[in-house]
Amino acid sequence: MNVRAYTLDFSVESQHVKEVLSSVFHTIILHRTFGKITYKKESTYSIGSLGVCDNDCNKIDFTYCSVNNQELAADIENEVTQFHSELRGAANAGQTRNGTIALEFYEKKKARWPFGGDVFTWESWEVRVELVSVTSTPEQQRRQEVIGTELAEKVFYITQMINKSDYLPKTPDIPNDIGNVYHTKYSDIHPFLFRMRYSLNLKPATQAIGKSPSVRKLLDYT
């Protein structure tokens, strides 16, 4: 099965990075999360209600919806903050102003002796970020309006694409297998298994000998 892959590009000031990424990733995960799944017996289960909340950006004129779950919000905040911190540090050091952060949804296949279980990604959302510098107040205000409009367009695109999906993993028939499809770490929700990774497009001159030309981190919320 081919991975459904999407790419979004943003050129933003450093102060807008976290709110842009939070808006994008929360929108995606909202559409990839169910309320708590409770099994009654084999092949029979109920799905609880999913709480949703509005989030007003502080530095951009934009409001986005997210799953109302503090644990999930903290996980996303953590990774967005780490990516922003590393990208800003690299920019200040003159290494790069470009980085990529991706959200991937995956599924685990049951292991068959003597082989291990397979893990495959079925959907990927990659966000490419370029940091720009703006010095004048009028230009900052103009950029703020532009990024708000651009973000609204990108979020609308996400909702269009995500609702056209031709494949979603099937909910397992037995509760012991639910961890092959959904995260089970959250108290009242079941999002599809996801992981986040990021990379910085470092200039060749900044690389140590034998090192990869990018810095990568992979986070798997199991």
C-alpha atoms as a PDB file:
ATOM      1  CA  MET A   1       0.000   0.000   0.000  1.00  0.00           C
ATOM      2  CA  ASN A   2       1.312   3.442  -0.928  1.00  0.00           C
ATOM      3  CA  VAL A   3       1.734   6.093   1.740  1.00  0.00           C
ATOM      4  CA  ARG A   4      -0.505   9.117   1.339  1.00  0.00           C
ATOM      5  CA  ALA A   5       2.001  11.971   1.601  1.00  0.00           C
ATOM      6  CA  TYR A   6       1.279  15.694   1.838  1.00  0.00           C
ATOM      7  CA  THR A   7       3.657  18.647   2.047  1.00  0.00           C
ATOM      8  CA  LEU A   8       2.959  22.144   3.363  1.00  0.00           C
ATOM      9  CA  ASP A   9       5.364  25.095   3.058  1.00  0.00           C
ATOM     10  CA  PHE A  10       5.580  28.145   5.309  1.00  0.00           C
ATOM     11  CA  SER A  11       7.921  31.147   5.321  1.00  0.00           C
ATOM     12  CA  VAL A  12       7.443  32.731   8.737  1.00  0.00           C
ATOM     13  CA  GLU A  13       9.117  34.756  11.441  1.00  0.00           C
ATOM     14  CA  SER A  14      10.470  32.795  14.380  1.00  0.00           C
ATOM     15  CA  GLN A  15       7.749  34.166  16.672  1.00  0.00           C
ATOM     16  CA  HIS A  16       5.051  32.565  14.510  1.00  0.00           C
ATOM     17  CA  VAL A  17       6.532  29.076  14.104  1.00  0.00           C
ATOM     18  CA  LYS A  18       4.955  27.408  17.130  1.00  0.00           C
ATOM     19  CA  GLU A  19       1.454  28.717  16.492  1.00  0.00           C
ATOM     20  CA  VAL A  20       1.590  27.779  12.808  1.00  0.00           C
ATOM     21  CA  LEU A  21       2.733  24.232  13.554  1.00  0.00           C
ATOM     22  CA  SER A  22       0.295  23.778  16.431  1.00  0.00           C
ATOM     23  CA  SER A  23      -2.585  24.879  14.202  1.00  0.00           C
ATOM     24  CA  VAL A  24      -1.583  22.398  11.497  1.00  0.00           C
ATOM     25  CA  PHE A  25      -0.870  19.370  13.671  1.00  0.00           C
ATOM     26  CA  HIS A  26      -3.856  19.787  15.976  1.00  0.00           C
ATOM     27  CA  THR A  27      -6.139  20.059  12.945  1.00  0.00           C
ATOM     28  CA  ILE A  28      -4.771  16.840  11.484  1.00  0.00           C
ATOM     29  CA  ILE A  29      -4.847  14.866  14.722  1.00  0.00           C
ATOM     30  CA  LEU A  30      -8.383  16.045  15.481  1.00  0.00           C
ATOM     31  CA  HIS A  31      -9.502  14.246  12.318  1.00  0.00           C
ATOM     32  CA  ARG A  32      -7.485  11.160  13.224  1.00  0.00           C
ATOM     33  CA  THR A  33      -8.778  10.662  16.775  1.00  0.00           C
ATOM     34  CA  PHE A  34     -11.762   8.820  18.239  1.00  0.00           C
ATOM     35  CA  GLY A  35     -13.314   9.020  21.658  1.00  0.00           C
ATOM     36  CA  LYS A  36     -12.506   6.195  24.078  1.00  0.00           C
ATOM     37  CA  ILE A  37     -13.102   2.773  22.514  1.00  0.00           C
ATOM     38  CA  THR A  38     -14.650   0.299  24.952  1.00  0.00           C
ATOM     39  CA  TYR A  39     -15.103  -3.376  24.104  1.00  0.00           C
ATOM     40  CA  LYS A  40     -18.253  -5.151  25.249  1.00  0.00           C
ATOM     41  CA  LYS A  41     -17.336  -8.490  23.737  1.00  0.00           C
ATOM     42  CA  GLU A  42     -15.319  -9.695  20.769  1.00  0.00           C
ATOM     43  CA  SER A  43     -16.048  -7.618  17.649  1.00  0.00           C
ATOM     44  CA  THR A  44     -18.440  -5.419  19.619  1.00  0.00           C
ATOM     45  CA  TYR A  45     -17.364  -2.066  20.985  1.00  0.00           C
ATOM     46  CA  SER A  46     -18.631   1.431  21.644  1.00  0.00           C
ATOM     47  CA  ILE A  47     -16.901   4.738  20.941  1.00  0.00           C
ATOM     48  CA  GLY A  48     -17.185   7.540  23.453  1.00  0.00           C
ATOM     49  CA  SER A  49     -17.705  11.196  22.624  1.00  0.00           C
ATOM     50  CA  LEU A  50     -14.731  13.299  21.564  1.00  0.00           C
ATOM     51  CA  GLY A  51     -14.225  16.611  23.300  1.00  0.00           C
ATOM     52  CA  VAL A  52     -13.184  19.515  21.072  1.00  0.00           C
ATOM     53  CA  CYS A  53     -11.966  22.993  22.031  1.00  0.00           C
ATOM     54  CA  ASP A  54     -11.154  26.251  20.235  1.00  0.00           C
ATOM     55  CA  ASN A  55      -7.668  27.749  20.473  1.00  0.00           C
ATOM     56  CA  ASP A  56      -6.961  31.411  19.759  1.00  0.00           C
ATOM     57  CA  CYS A  57      -3.451  32.203  18.530  1.00  0.00           C
ATOM     58  CA  ASN A  58      -1.740  35.055  20.392  1.00  0.00           C
ATOM     59  CA  LYS A  59       0.476  36.364  17.580  1.00  0.00           C
ATOM     60  CA  ILE A  60      -1.597  35.415  14.537  1.00  0.00           C
ATOM     61  CA  ASP A  61      -5.213  36.303  13.793  1.00  0.00           C
ATOM     62  CA  PHE A  62      -6.338  32.680  13.673  1.00  0.00           C
ATOM     63  CA  THR A  63      -8.394  30.196  15.712  1.00  0.00           C
ATOM     64  CA  TYR A  64      -8.120  26.434  15.328  1.00  0.00           C
ATOM     65  CA  CYS A  65      -9.914  23.433  16.812  1.00  0.00           C
ATOM     66  CA  SER A  66      -8.195  20.631  18.687  1.00  0.00           C
ATOM     67  CA  VAL A  67      -8.953  17.516  20.701  1.00  0.00           C
ATOM     68  CA  ASN A  68      -9.709  18.550  24.268  1.00  0.00           C
ATOM     69  CA  ASN A  69      -7.061  16.415  25.938  1.00  0.00           C
ATOM     70  CA  GLN A  70      -4.216  17.936  27.964  1.00  0.00           C
ATOM     71  CA  GLU A  71      -1.907  14.918  27.602  1.00  0.00           C
ATOM     72  CA  LEU A  72      -2.118  15.026  23.826  1.00  0.00           C
ATOM     73  CA  ALA A  73      -1.736  18.807  23.769  1.00  0.00           C
ATOM     74  CA  ALA A  74       1.391  18.541  25.929  1.00  0.00           C
ATOM     75  CA  ASP A  75       2.953  15.961  23.589  1.00  0.00           C
ATOM     76  CA  ILE A  76       2.403  18.148  20.531  1.00  0.00           C
ATOM     77  CA  GLU A  77       3.617  21.259  22.352  1.00  0.00           C
ATOM     78  CA  ASN A  78       6.752  19.420  23.399  1.00  0.00           C
ATOM     79  CA  GLU A  79       7.774  18.415  19.894  1.00  0.00           C
ATOM     80  CA  VAL A  80       6.859  21.720  18.262  1.00  0.00           C
ATOM     81  CA  THR A  81       8.887  23.552  20.927  1.00  0.00           C
ATOM     82  CA  GLN A  82      11.935  21.318  20.435  1.00  0.00           C
ATOM     83  CA  PHE A  83      11.855  21.730  16.659  1.00  0.00           C
ATOM     84  CA  HIS A  84      11.465  25.510  16.957  1.00  0.00           C
ATOM     85  CA  SER A  85      14.288  25.717  19.490  1.00  0.00           C
ATOM     86  CA  GLU A  86      16.718  23.778  17.291  1.00  0.00           C
ATOM     87  CA  LEU A  87      15.763  25.659  14.122  1.00  0.00           C
ATOM     88  CA  ARG A  88      16.100  29.036  15.854  1.00  0.00           C
ATOM     89  CA  GLY A  89      19.458  28.012  17.317  1.00  0.00           C
ATOM     90  CA  ALA A  90      20.730  26.899  13.916  1.00  0.00           C
ATOM     91  CA  ALA A  91      19.551  30.158  12.340  1.00  0.00           C
ATOM     92  CA  ASN A  92      21.277  32.241  15.016  1.00  0.00           C
ATOM     93  CA  ALA A  93      24.481  30.272  14.413  1.00  0.00           C
ATOM     94  CA  GLY A  94      24.272  30.917  10.671  1.00  0.00           C
ATOM     95  CA  GLN A  95      23.847  27.207   9.896  1.00  0.00           C
ATOM     96  CA  THR A  96      20.414  27.170   8.274  1.00  0.00           C
ATOM     97  CA  ARG A  97      17.030  28.885   8.243  1.00  0.00           C
ATOM     98  CA  ASN A  98      15.194  25.856   6.869  1.00  0.00           C
ATOM     99  CA  GLY A  99      13.791  22.824   8.634  1.00  0.00           C
ATOM    100  CA  THR A 100      11.164  20.141   8.194  1.00  0.00           C
ATOM    101  CA  ILE A 101       8.861  18.559  10.755  1.00  0.00           C
ATOM    102  CA  ALA A 102       6.568  15.664   9.877  1.00  0.00           C
ATOM    103  CA  LEU A 103       3.611  13.886  11.432  1.00  0.00           C
ATOM    104  CA  GLU A 104       3.236  10.244  10.410  1.00  0.00           C
ATOM    105  CA  PHE A 105       0.407   7.809  11.061  1.00  0.00           C
ATOM    106  CA  TYR A 106       1.273   4.139  11.119  1.00  0.00           C
ATOM    107  CA  GLU A 107      -0.083   0.690  11.865  1.00  0.00           C
ATOM    108  CA  LYS A 108       1.464  -2.398  13.425  1.00  0.00           C
ATOM    109  CA  LYS A 109       0.927  -5.795  11.874  1.00  0.00           C
ATOM    110  CA  LYS A 110       0.771  -8.794  14.182  1.00  0.00           C
ATOM    111  CA  ALA A 111       3.980 -10.790  14.387  1.00  0.00           C
ATOM    112  CA  ARG A 112       4.081 -14.227  12.804  1.00  0.00           C
ATOM    113  CA  TRP A 113       6.620 -16.702  14.129  1.00  0.00           C
ATOM    114  CA  PRO A 114       9.523 -16.711  13.461  1.00  0.00           C
ATOM    115  CA  PHE A 115       9.303 -13.194  12.024  1.00  0.00           C
ATOM    116  CA  GLY A 116       8.768  -9.943  13.894  1.00  0.00           C
ATOM    117  CA  GLY A 117       5.797  -7.690  13.401  1.00  0.00           C
ATOM    118  CA  ASP A 118       5.771  -5.132  10.602  1.00  0.00           C
ATOM    119  CA  VAL A 119       5.157  -1.433  11.034  1.00  0.00           C
ATOM    120  CA  PHE A 120       4.102   0.656   8.062  1.00  0.00           C
ATOM    121  CA  THR A 121       3.202   4.284   7.612  1.00  0.00           C
ATOM    122  CA  TRP A 122      -0.109   4.909   5.865  1.00  0.00           C
ATOM    123  CA  GLU A 123      -0.206   8.713   5.967  1.00  0.00           C
ATOM    124  CA  SER A 124       2.407  11.453   6.253  1.00  0.00           C
ATOM    125  CA  TRP A 125       2.138  15.221   6.666  1.00  0.00           C
ATOM    126  CA  GLU A 126       5.390  17.112   6.147  1.00  0.00           C
ATOM    127  CA  VAL A 127       5.698  20.797   7.020  1.00  0.00           C
ATOM    128  CA  ARG A 128       8.673  22.685   5.585  1.00  0.00           C
ATOM    129  CA  VAL A 129       9.549  25.866   7.469  1.00  0.00           C
ATOM    130  CA  GLU A 130      11.735  28.756   6.346  1.00  0.00           C
ATOM    131  CA  LEU A 131      12.564  31.431   8.893  1.00  0.00           C
ATOM    132  CA  VAL A 132      12.388  35.009   7.623  1.00  0.00           C
ATOM    133  CA  SER A 133      13.511  38.205   9.330  1.00  0.00           C
ATOM    134  CA  VAL A 134      11.376  41.332   9.375  1.00  0.00           C
ATOM    135  CA  THR A 135      12.655  44.547  10.954  1.00  0.00           C
ATOM    136  CA  SER A 136      10.047  47.254  10.382  1.00  0.00           C
ATOM    137  CA  THR A 137       6.784  47.376  12.334  1.00  0.00           C
ATOM    138  CA  PRO A 138       4.576  47.922   9.240  1.00  0.00           C
ATOM    139  CA  GLU A 139       6.147  44.908   7.555  1.00  0.00           C
ATOM    140  CA  GLN A 140       5.647  42.807  10.690  1.00  0.00           C
ATOM    141  CA  GLN A 141       1.962  43.736  10.737  1.00  0.00           C
ATOM    142  CA  ARG A 142       1.632  42.916   7.060  1.00  0.00           C
ATOM    143  CA  ARG A 143       3.375  39.558   7.548  1.00  0.00           C
ATOM    144  CA  GLN A 144       1.073  38.773  10.458  1.00  0.00           C
ATOM    145  CA  GLU A 145      -1.991  39.310   8.276  1.00  0.00           C
ATOM    146  CA  VAL A 146      -0.493  37.300   5.427  1.00  0.00           C
ATOM    147  CA  ILE A 147       0.376  34.308   7.597  1.00  0.00           C
ATOM    148  CA  GLY A 148      -3.111  34.296   9.127  1.00  0.00           C
ATOM    149  CA  THR A 149      -4.680  34.132   5.666  1.00  0.00           C
ATOM    150  CA  GLU A 150      -2.188  31.531   4.474  1.00  0.00           C
ATOM    151  CA  LEU A 151      -2.758  29.393   7.558  1.00  0.00           C
ATOM    152  CA  ALA A 152      -6.525  29.475   7.026  1.00  0.00           C
ATOM    153  CA  GLU A 153      -6.030  28.305   3.439  1.00  0.00           C
ATOM    154  CA  LYS A 154      -3.695  25.484   4.502  1.00  0.00           C
ATOM    155  CA  VAL A 155      -6.054  24.273   7.235  1.00  0.00           C
ATOM    156  CA  PHE A 156      -8.922  24.262   4.738  1.00  0.00           C
ATOM    157  CA  TYR A 157      -6.733  22.201   2.384  1.00  0.00           C
ATOM    158  CA  ILE A 158      -5.993  19.750   5.200  1.00  0.00           C
ATOM    159  CA  THR A 159      -9.676  19.192   5.928  1.00  0.00           C
ATOM    160  CA  GLN A 160     -10.357  18.628   2.241  1.00  0.00           C
ATOM    161  CA  MET A 161      -7.575  16.089   1.804  1.00  0.00           C
ATOM    162  CA  ILE A 162      -8.086  14.277   5.085  1.00  0.00           C
ATOM    163  CA  ASN A 163     -11.751  13.631   4.320  1.00  0.00           C
ATOM    164  CA  LYS A 164     -10.853  12.084   0.967  1.00  0.00           C
ATOM    165  CA  SER A 165      -8.832   9.300   2.557  1.00  0.00           C
ATOM    166  CA  ASP A 166      -9.395   5.952   0.874  1.00  0.00           C
ATOM    167  CA  TYR A 167      -7.794   3.983   3.694  1.00  0.00           C
ATOM    168  CA  LEU A 168      -8.062   3.985   7.466  1.00  0.00           C
ATOM    169  CA  PRO A 169      -6.867   1.108   9.656  1.00  0.00           C
ATOM    170  CA  LYS A 170      -9.674  -1.126  10.836  1.00  0.00           C
ATOM    171  CA  THR A 171     -10.506  -1.177  14.537  1.00  0.00           C
ATOM    172  CA  PRO A 172      -9.337  -4.585  15.867  1.00  0.00           C
ATOM    173  CA  ASP A 173     -11.931  -7.193  16.810  1.00  0.00           C
ATOM    174  CA  ILE A 174     -10.315  -7.921  20.172  1.00  0.00           C
ATOM    175  CA  PRO A 175      -9.098  -5.445  22.818  1.00  0.00           C
ATOM    176  CA  ASN A 176      -5.620  -7.016  23.035  1.00  0.00           C
ATOM    177  CA  ASP A 177      -4.895  -5.810  19.494  1.00  0.00           C
ATOM    178  CA  ILE A 178      -6.059  -2.231  19.896  1.00  0.00           C
ATOM    179  CA  GLY A 179      -2.474  -1.045  20.421  1.00  0.00           C
ATOM    180  CA  ASN A 180      -1.667  -2.111  16.850  1.00  0.00           C
ATOM    181  CA  VAL A 181      -3.887   0.678  15.527  1.00  0.00           C
ATOM    182  CA  TYR A 182      -4.454   3.265  18.255  1.00  0.00           C
ATOM    183  CA  HIS A 183      -2.436   4.940  20.978  1.00  0.00           C
ATOM    184  CA  THR A 184      -3.548   3.661  24.360  1.00  0.00           C
ATOM    185  CA  LYS A 185      -1.584   6.084  26.582  1.00  0.00           C
ATOM    186  CA  TYR A 186      -4.301   8.741  26.683  1.00  0.00           C
ATOM    187  CA  SER A 187      -7.041   8.540  29.279  1.00  0.00           C
ATOM    188  CA  ASP A 188     -10.212   9.303  27.302  1.00  0.00           C
ATOM    189  CA  ILE A 189      -9.295   9.220  23.598  1.00  0.00           C
ATOM    190  CA  HIS A 190      -7.888   6.849  21.005  1.00  0.00           C
ATOM    191  CA  PRO A 191      -5.887   8.610  18.264  1.00  0.00           C
ATOM    192  CA  PHE A 192      -4.450   6.533  15.454  1.00  0.00           C
ATOM    193  CA  LEU A 193      -0.818   5.614  16.089  1.00  0.00           C
ATOM    194  CA  PHE A 194       1.368   8.562  15.160  1.00  0.00           C
ATOM    195  CA  ARG A 195       4.973   9.649  15.430  1.00  0.00           C
ATOM    196  CA  MET A 196       6.809  12.888  14.733  1.00  0.00           C
ATOM    197  CA  ARG A 197      10.225  13.535  13.228  1.00  0.00           C
ATOM    198  CA  TYR A 198      12.118  16.621  12.257  1.00  0.00           C
ATOM    199  CA  SER A 199      15.254  17.615  10.381  1.00  0.00           C
ATOM    200  CA  LEU A 200      17.290  20.755   9.795  1.00  0.00           C
ATOM    201  CA  ASN A 201      18.789  21.482   6.365  1.00  0.00           C
ATOM    202  CA  LEU A 202      22.274  22.227   7.647  1.00  0.00           C
ATOM    203  CA  LYS A 203      24.898  23.623   5.317  1.00  0.00           C
ATOM    204  CA  PRO A 204      27.659  21.115   4.401  1.00  0.00           C
ATOM    205  CA  ALA A 205      30.318  23.305   6.040  1.00  0.00           C
ATOM    206  CA  THR A 206      28.655  22.896   9.437  1.00  0.00           C
ATOM    207  CA  GLN A 207      28.797  19.103   9.378  1.00  0.00           C
ATOM    208  CA  ALA A 208      31.343  17.058  11.260  1.00  0.00           C
ATOM    209  CA  ILE A 209      33.150  14.403   9.226  1.00  0.00           C
ATOM    210  CA  GLY A 210      31.063  11.265   8.840  1.00  0.00           C
ATOM    211  CA  LYS A 211      27.859  12.935  10.010  1.00  0.00           C
ATOM    212  CA  SER A 212      24.555  13.079   8.150  1.00  0.00           C
ATOM    213  CA  PRO A 213      23.699  16.407   6.440  1.00  0.00           C
ATOM    214  CA  SER A 214      20.637  16.781   8.652  1.00  0.00           C
ATOM    215  CA  VAL A 215      19.658  16.509  12.288  1.00  0.00           C
ATOM    216  CA  ARG A 216      16.802  14.105  12.845  1.00  0.00           C
ATOM    217  CA  LYS A 217      14.589  13.091  15.730  1.00  0.00           C
ATOM    218  CA  LEU A 218      11.895  10.425  15.714  1.00  0.00           C
ATOM    219  CA  LEU A 219       9.255  10.258  18.406  1.00  0.00           C
ATOM    220  CA  ASP A 220       6.958   7.288  18.678  1.00  0.00           C
ATOM    221  CA  TYR A 221       4.111   7.689  21.179  1.00  0.00           C
ATOM    222  CA  THR A 222       3.523   4.103  22.205  1.00  0.00           C
END
